[in-house]
PDB file of all heavy atoms in Angstrom:
ATOM      1  N   PHE A   1       0.435  -3.849  -5.414  1.00  0.00           N
ATOM      2  CA  PHE A   1      -0.571  -4.750  -4.854  1.00  0.00           C
ATOM      3  C   PHE A   1       0.059  -6.129  -4.699  1.00  0.00           C
ATOM      4  O   PHE A   1       0.587  -6.696  -5.654  1.00  0.00           O
ATOM      5  CB  PHE A   1      -1.778  -4.822  -5.776  1.00  0.00           C
ATOM      6  CG  PHE A   1      -2.879  -5.733  -5.290  1.00  0.00           C
ATOM      7  CD1 PHE A   1      -3.826  -5.280  -4.386  1.00  0.00           C
ATOM      8  CD2 PHE A   1      -2.962  -7.042  -5.727  1.00  0.00           C
ATOM      9  CE1 PHE A   1      -4.837  -6.117  -3.941  1.00  0.00           C
ATOM     10  CE2 PHE A   1      -3.966  -7.884  -5.293  1.00  0.00           C
ATOM     11  CZ  PHE A   1      -4.904  -7.423  -4.386  1.00  0.00           C
ATOM     12  N   ARG A   2       0.031  -6.653  -3.488  1.00  0.00           N
ATOM     13  CA  ARG A   2       0.583  -7.991  -3.231  1.00  0.00           C
ATOM     14  C   ARG A   2      -0.502  -8.875  -2.631  1.00  0.00           C
ATOM     15  O   ARG A   2      -1.194  -8.482  -1.699  1.00  0.00           O
ATOM     16  CB  ARG A   2       1.769  -7.893  -2.272  1.00  0.00           C
ATOM     17  CG  ARG A   2       2.331  -9.260  -1.878  1.00  0.00           C
ATOM     18  CD  ARG A   2       3.625  -9.152  -1.108  1.00  0.00           C
ATOM     19  NE  ARG A   2       3.467  -8.450   0.157  1.00  0.00           N
ATOM     20  CZ  ARG A   2       4.450  -8.308   1.048  1.00  0.00           C
ATOM     21  NH1 ARG A   2       5.653  -8.787   0.782  1.00  0.00           N
ATOM     22  NH2 ARG A   2       4.233  -7.674   2.182  1.00  0.00           N
ATOM     23  N   SER A   3      -0.640 -10.074  -3.175  1.00  0.00           N
ATOM     24  CA  SER A   3      -1.642 -11.019  -2.679  1.00  0.00           C
ATOM     25  C   SER A   3      -1.005 -12.392  -2.514  1.00  0.00           C
ATOM     26  O   SER A   3      -0.290 -12.872  -3.402  1.00  0.00           O
ATOM     27  CB  SER A   3      -2.815 -11.107  -3.658  1.00  0.00           C
ATOM     28  OG  SER A   3      -3.703 -12.138  -3.279  1.00  0.00           O
ATOM     29  N   VAL A   4      -1.268 -13.008  -1.372  1.00  0.00           N
ATOM     30  CA  VAL A   4      -0.820 -14.380  -1.102  1.00  0.00           C
ATOM     31  C   VAL A   4      -2.054 -15.248  -0.902  1.00  0.00           C
ATOM     32  O   VAL A   4      -2.941 -14.898  -0.120  1.00  0.00           O
ATOM     33  CB  VAL A   4       0.068 -14.450   0.160  1.00  0.00           C
ATOM     34  CG1 VAL A   4       0.539 -15.886   0.401  1.00  0.00           C
ATOM     35  CG2 VAL A   4       1.255 -13.510   0.047  1.00  0.00           C
ATOM     36  N   LEU A   5      -2.145 -16.363  -1.628  1.00  0.00           N
ATOM     37  CA  LEU A   5      -3.282 -17.281  -1.510  1.00  0.00           C
ATOM     38  C   LEU A   5      -2.766 -18.681  -1.233  1.00  0.00           C
ATOM     39  O   LEU A   5      -1.919 -19.197  -1.971  1.00  0.00           O
ATOM     40  CB  LEU A   5      -4.111 -17.267  -2.807  1.00  0.00           C
ATOM     41  CG  LEU A   5      -5.340 -18.181  -2.827  1.00  0.00           C
ATOM     42  CD1 LEU A   5      -6.368 -17.731  -1.794  1.00  0.00           C
ATOM     43  CD2 LEU A   5      -5.964 -18.210  -4.225  1.00  0.00           C
ATOM     44  N   ARG A   6      -3.296 -19.290  -0.153  1.00  0.00           N
ATOM     45  CA  ARG A   6      -2.867 -20.644   0.218  1.00  0.00           C
ATOM     46  C   ARG A   6      -4.069 -21.492   0.603  1.00  0.00           C
ATOM     47  O   ARG A   6      -5.007 -21.015   1.224  1.00  0.00           O
ATOM     48  CB  ARG A   6      -1.887 -20.595   1.395  1.00  0.00           C
ATOM     49  CG  ARG A   6      -0.567 -19.896   1.070  1.00  0.00           C
ATOM     50  CD  ARG A   6       0.503 -20.219   2.105  1.00  0.00           C
ATOM     51  NE  ARG A   6       1.757 -19.580   1.765  1.00  0.00           N
ATOM     52  CZ  ARG A   6       2.237 -18.493   2.350  1.00  0.00           C
ATOM     53  NH1 ARG A   6       1.549 -17.931   3.335  1.00  0.00           N
ATOM     54  NH2 ARG A   6       3.382 -17.969   1.996  1.00  0.00           N
ATOM     55  N   ASN A   7      -4.021 -22.761   0.242  1.00  0.00           N
ATOM     56  CA  ASN A   7      -4.998 -23.745   0.691  1.00  0.00           C
ATOM     57  C   ASN A   7      -4.498 -24.296   2.017  1.00  0.00           C
ATOM     58  O   ASN A   7      -3.407 -24.866   2.080  1.00  0.00           O
ATOM     59  CB  ASN A   7      -5.125 -24.868  -0.351  1.00  0.00           C
ATOM     60  CG  ASN A   7      -6.271 -25.817  -0.047  1.00  0.00           C
ATOM     61  OD1 ASN A   7      -6.574 -26.102   1.107  1.00  0.00           O
ATOM     62  ND2 ASN A   7      -6.892 -26.323  -1.093  1.00  0.00           N
ATOM     63  N   ILE A   8      -5.257 -24.122   3.087  1.00  0.00           N
ATOM     64  CA  ILE A   8      -4.784 -24.542   4.406  1.00  0.00           C
ATOM     65  C   ILE A   8      -5.305 -25.927   4.795  1.00  0.00           C
ATOM     66  O   ILE A   8      -4.979 -26.423   5.882  1.00  0.00           O
ATOM     67  CB  ILE A   8      -5.145 -23.509   5.494  1.00  0.00           C
ATOM     68  CG1 ILE A   8      -6.649 -23.327   5.616  1.00  0.00           C
ATOM     69  CG2 ILE A   8      -4.475 -22.180   5.211  1.00  0.00           C
ATOM     70  CD1 ILE A   8      -7.058 -22.391   6.764  1.00  0.00           C
ATOM     71  N   ASP A   9      -6.100 -26.567   3.945  1.00  0.00           N
ATOM     72  CA  ASP A   9      -6.645 -27.885   4.254  1.00  0.00           C
ATOM     73  C   ASP A   9      -5.936 -29.023   3.529  1.00  0.00           C
ATOM     74  O   ASP A   9      -5.927 -30.158   4.014  1.00  0.00           O
ATOM     75  CB  ASP A   9      -8.138 -27.941   3.908  1.00  0.00           C
ATOM     76  CG  ASP A   9      -8.989 -27.267   4.972  1.00  0.00           C
ATOM     77  OD1 ASP A   9      -8.543 -27.225   6.141  1.00  0.00           O
ATOM     78  OD2 ASP A   9     -10.084 -26.781   4.647  1.00  0.00           O
ATOM     79  N   ARG A  10      -5.372 -28.756   2.364  1.00  0.00           N
ATOM     80  CA  ARG A  10      -4.743 -29.835   1.601  1.00  0.00           C
ATOM     81  C   ARG A  10      -3.683 -29.245   0.681  1.00  0.00           C
ATOM     82  O   ARG A  10      -3.695 -28.053   0.371  1.00  0.00           O
ATOM     83  CB  ARG A  10      -5.786 -30.608   0.775  1.00  0.00           C
ATOM     84  CG  ARG A  10      -6.502 -29.764  -0.242  1.00  0.00           C
ATOM     85  CD  ARG A  10      -7.627 -30.518  -0.943  1.00  0.00           C
ATOM     86  NE  ARG A  10      -8.266 -29.688  -1.947  1.00  0.00           N
ATOM     87  CZ  ARG A  10      -7.858 -29.576  -3.196  1.00  0.00           C
ATOM     88  NH1 ARG A  10      -6.808 -30.276  -3.607  1.00  0.00           N
ATOM     89  NH2 ARG A  10      -8.474 -28.785  -4.046  1.00  0.00           N
ATOM     90  N   MET A  11      -2.778 -30.104   0.267  1.00  0.00           N
ATOM     91  CA  MET A  11      -1.742 -29.662  -0.665  1.00  0.00           C
ATOM     92  C   MET A  11      -2.382 -29.369  -2.015  1.00  0.00           C
ATOM     93  O   MET A  11      -3.184 -30.153  -2.515  1.00  0.00           O
ATOM     94  CB  MET A  11      -0.679 -30.745  -0.824  1.00  0.00           C
ATOM     95  CG  MET A  11       0.185 -30.945   0.406  1.00  0.00           C
ATOM     96  SD  MET A  11       1.177 -29.476   0.805  1.00  0.00           S
ATOM     97  CE  MET A  11       2.244 -29.410  -0.624  1.00  0.00           C
ATOM     98  N   GLU A  12      -2.021 -28.228  -2.571  1.00  0.00           N
ATOM     99  CA  GLU A  12      -2.534 -27.867  -3.888  1.00  0.00           C
ATOM    100  C   GLU A  12      -1.363 -27.421  -4.744  1.00  0.00           C
ATOM    101  O   GLU A  12      -0.516 -26.640  -4.290  1.00  0.00           O
ATOM    102  CB  GLU A  12      -3.571 -26.746  -3.776  1.00  0.00           C
ATOM    103  CG  GLU A  12      -4.266 -26.447  -5.084  1.00  0.00           C
ATOM    104  CD  GLU A  12      -5.515 -25.578  -4.903  1.00  0.00           C
ATOM    105  OE1 GLU A  12      -5.934 -25.375  -3.743  1.00  0.00           O
ATOM    106  OE2 GLU A  12      -6.060 -25.119  -5.913  1.00  0.00           O
ATOM    107  N   GLY A  13      -1.286 -27.926  -5.959  1.00  0.00           N
ATOM    108  CA  GLY A  13      -0.155 -27.651  -6.828  1.00  0.00           C
ATOM    109  C   GLY A  13       0.023 -26.176  -7.101  1.00  0.00           C
ATOM    110  O   GLY A  13      -0.941 -25.423  -7.223  1.00  0.00           O
ATOM    111  N   TYR A  14       1.268 -25.734  -7.199  1.00  0.00           N
ATOM    112  CA  TYR A  14       1.577 -24.349  -7.512  1.00  0.00           C
ATOM    113  C   TYR A  14       1.776 -24.207  -9.015  1.00  0.00           C
ATOM    114  O   TYR A  14       2.479 -25.007  -9.642  1.00  0.00           O
ATOM    115  CB  TYR A  14       2.830 -23.899  -6.756  1.00  0.00           C
ATOM    116  CG  TYR A  14       2.599 -23.806  -5.276  1.00  0.00           C
ATOM    117  CD1 TYR A  14       2.834 -24.895  -4.433  1.00  0.00           C
ATOM    118  CD2 TYR A  14       2.104 -22.633  -4.712  1.00  0.00           C
ATOM    119  CE1 TYR A  14       2.595 -24.808  -3.079  1.00  0.00           C
ATOM    120  CE2 TYR A  14       1.861 -22.542  -3.351  1.00  0.00           C
ATOM    121  CZ  TYR A  14       2.113 -23.627  -2.538  1.00  0.00           C
ATOM    122  OH  TYR A  14       1.861 -23.544  -1.191  1.00  0.00           O
ATOM    123  N   PRO A  15       1.200 -23.189  -9.611  1.00  0.00           N
ATOM    124  CA  PRO A  15       1.281 -23.041 -11.064  1.00  0.00           C
ATOM    125  C   PRO A  15       2.636 -22.512 -11.494  1.00  0.00           C
ATOM    126  O   PRO A  15       3.423 -22.007 -10.694  1.00  0.00           O
ATOM    127  CB  PRO A  15       0.196 -21.998 -11.359  1.00  0.00           C
ATOM    128  CG  PRO A  15       0.168 -21.148 -10.125  1.00  0.00           C
ATOM    129  CD  PRO A  15       0.448 -22.101  -8.987  1.00  0.00           C
ATOM    130  N   PHE A  16       2.907 -22.648 -12.792  1.00  0.00           N
ATOM    131  CA  PHE A  16       4.090 -22.009 -13.340  1.00  0.00           C
ATOM    132  C   PHE A  16       3.942 -20.493 -13.233  1.00  0.00           C
ATOM    133  O   PHE A  16       2.847 -19.959 -13.211  1.00  0.00           O
ATOM    134  CB  PHE A  16       4.295 -22.405 -14.804  1.00  0.00           C
ATOM    135  CG  PHE A  16       4.713 -23.836 -14.980  1.00  0.00           C
ATOM    136  CD1 PHE A  16       3.830 -24.769 -15.482  1.00  0.00           C
ATOM    137  CD2 PHE A  16       5.997 -24.237 -14.626  1.00  0.00           C
ATOM    138  CE1 PHE A  16       4.210 -26.085 -15.640  1.00  0.00           C
ATOM    139  CE2 PHE A  16       6.383 -25.552 -14.781  1.00  0.00           C
ATOM    140  CZ  PHE A  16       5.497 -26.479 -15.292  1.00  0.00           C
ATOM    141  N   PHE A  17       5.088 -19.821 -13.197  1.00  0.00           N
ATOM    142  CA  PHE A  17       5.080 -18.361 -13.127  1.00  0.00           C
ATOM    143  C   PHE A  17       4.435 -17.775 -14.381  1.00  0.00           C
ATOM    144  O   PHE A  17       4.702 -18.213 -15.497  1.00  0.00           O
ATOM    145  CB  PHE A  17       6.517 -17.859 -13.004  1.00  0.00           C
ATOM    146  CG  PHE A  17       6.647 -16.376 -13.151  1.00  0.00           C
ATOM    147  CD1 PHE A  17       6.293 -15.534 -12.115  1.00  0.00           C
ATOM    148  CD2 PHE A  17       7.101 -15.820 -14.335  1.00  0.00           C
ATOM    149  CE1 PHE A  17       6.398 -14.172 -12.241  1.00  0.00           C
ATOM    150  CE2 PHE A  17       7.217 -14.460 -14.478  1.00  0.00           C
ATOM    151  CZ  PHE A  17       6.876 -13.626 -13.428  1.00  0.00           C
ATOM    152  N   ALA A  18       3.572 -16.781 -14.195  1.00  0.00           N
ATOM    153  CA  ALA A  18       2.915 -16.114 -15.309  1.00  0.00           C
ATOM    154  C   ALA A  18       3.333 -14.653 -15.331  1.00  0.00           C
ATOM    155  O   ALA A  18       3.182 -13.947 -14.328  1.00  0.00           O
ATOM    156  CB  ALA A  18       1.395 -16.223 -15.188  1.00  0.00           C
ATOM    157  N   ALA A  19       3.895 -14.214 -16.438  1.00  0.00           N
ATOM    158  CA  ALA A  19       4.278 -12.814 -16.585  1.00  0.00           C
ATOM    159  C   ALA A  19       3.062 -12.017 -17.027  1.00  0.00           C
ATOM    160  O   ALA A  19       2.456 -12.325 -18.050  1.00  0.00           O
ATOM    161  CB  ALA A  19       5.403 -12.671 -17.605  1.00  0.00           C
ATOM    162  N   GLY A  20       2.697 -11.031 -16.254  1.00  0.00           N
ATOM    163  CA  GLY A  20       1.557 -10.192 -16.620  1.00  0.00           C
ATOM    164  C   GLY A  20       1.952  -9.122 -17.621  1.00  0.00           C
ATOM    165  O   GLY A  20       3.017  -9.189 -18.257  1.00  0.00           O
ATOM    166  N   ASP A  21       1.128  -8.108 -17.756  1.00  0.00           N
ATOM    167  CA  ASP A  21       1.368  -7.024 -18.692  1.00  0.00           C
ATOM    168  C   ASP A  21       2.677  -6.316 -18.335  1.00  0.00           C
ATOM    169  O   ASP A  21       2.943  -6.014 -17.174  1.00  0.00           O
ATOM    170  CB  ASP A  21       0.191  -6.048 -18.623  1.00  0.00           C
ATOM    171  CG  ASP A  21       0.214  -5.031 -19.757  1.00  0.00           C
ATOM    172  OD1 ASP A  21       1.198  -5.016 -20.516  1.00  0.00           O
ATOM    173  OD2 ASP A  21      -0.747  -4.258 -19.869  1.00  0.00           O
ATOM    174  N   LEU A  22       3.496  -6.062 -19.340  1.00  0.00           N
ATOM    175  CA  LEU A  22       4.781  -5.399 -19.117  1.00  0.00           C
ATOM    176  C   LEU A  22       4.713  -3.896 -19.376  1.00  0.00           C
ATOM    177  O   LEU A  22       5.692  -3.184 -19.156  1.00  0.00           O
ATOM    178  CB  LEU A  22       5.851  -6.020 -20.031  1.00  0.00           C
ATOM    179  CG  LEU A  22       6.044  -7.537 -19.900  1.00  0.00           C
ATOM    180  CD1 LEU A  22       7.140  -8.004 -20.841  1.00  0.00           C
ATOM    181  CD2 LEU A  22       6.387  -7.922 -18.467  1.00  0.00           C
ATOM    182  N   ASP A  23       3.575  -3.403 -19.851  1.00  0.00           N
ATOM    183  CA  ASP A  23       3.449  -1.990 -20.195  1.00  0.00           C
ATOM    184  C   ASP A  23       3.236  -1.142 -18.944  1.00  0.00           C
ATOM    185  O   ASP A  23       2.425  -1.478 -18.078  1.00  0.00           O
ATOM    186  CB  ASP A  23       2.285  -1.764 -21.155  1.00  0.00           C
ATOM    187  CG  ASP A  23       2.572  -2.325 -22.541  1.00  0.00           C
ATOM    188  OD1 ASP A  23       3.752  -2.655 -22.807  1.00  0.00           O
ATOM    189  OD2 ASP A  23       1.630  -2.443 -23.339  1.00  0.00           O
ATOM    190  N   VAL A  24       3.948  -0.021 -18.873  1.00  0.00           N
ATOM    191  CA  VAL A  24       3.782   0.936 -17.784  1.00  0.00           C
ATOM    192  C   VAL A  24       2.738   1.957 -18.224  1.00  0.00           C
ATOM    193  O   VAL A  24       2.924   2.641 -19.239  1.00  0.00           O
ATOM    194  CB  VAL A  24       5.115   1.633 -17.462  1.00  0.00           C
ATOM    195  CG1 VAL A  24       4.912   2.690 -16.381  1.00  0.00           C
ATOM    196  CG2 VAL A  24       6.148   0.609 -17.014  1.00  0.00           C
ATOM    197  N   PRO A  25       1.616   2.112 -17.510  1.00  0.00           N
ATOM    198  CA  PRO A  25       0.523   2.980 -17.982  1.00  0.00           C
ATOM    199  C   PRO A  25       0.875   4.469 -18.032  1.00  0.00           C
ATOM    200  O   PRO A  25       0.492   5.163 -18.958  1.00  0.00           O
ATOM    201  CB  PRO A  25      -0.598   2.722 -16.972  1.00  0.00           C
ATOM    202  CG  PRO A  25      -0.266   1.423 -16.329  1.00  0.00           C
ATOM    203  CD  PRO A  25       1.225   1.354 -16.309  1.00  0.00           C
ATOM    204  N   PHE A  26       1.581   4.952 -17.002  1.00  0.00           N
ATOM    205  CA  PHE A  26       1.927   6.376 -16.968  1.00  0.00           C
ATOM    206  C   PHE A  26       3.131   6.577 -16.061  1.00  0.00           C
ATOM    207  O   PHE A  26       3.485   5.714 -15.257  1.00  0.00           O
ATOM    208  CB  PHE A  26       0.745   7.232 -16.484  1.00  0.00           C
ATOM    209  CG  PHE A  26       0.258   6.905 -15.097  1.00  0.00           C
ATOM    210  CD1 PHE A  26       0.945   7.336 -13.967  1.00  0.00           C
ATOM    211  CD2 PHE A  26      -0.909   6.169 -14.915  1.00  0.00           C
ATOM    212  CE1 PHE A  26       0.500   7.026 -12.690  1.00  0.00           C
ATOM    213  CE2 PHE A  26      -1.362   5.856 -13.643  1.00  0.00           C
ATOM    214  CZ  PHE A  26      -0.657   6.289 -12.526  1.00  0.00           C
TER     215      PHE A  26
END
């Protein structure tokens, strides 16, 4: 799943990278 989100009206700060869950379910 890939998602891109952008504010097209004004500059908005980009957050630090967040590592999600590292566990492989199956």
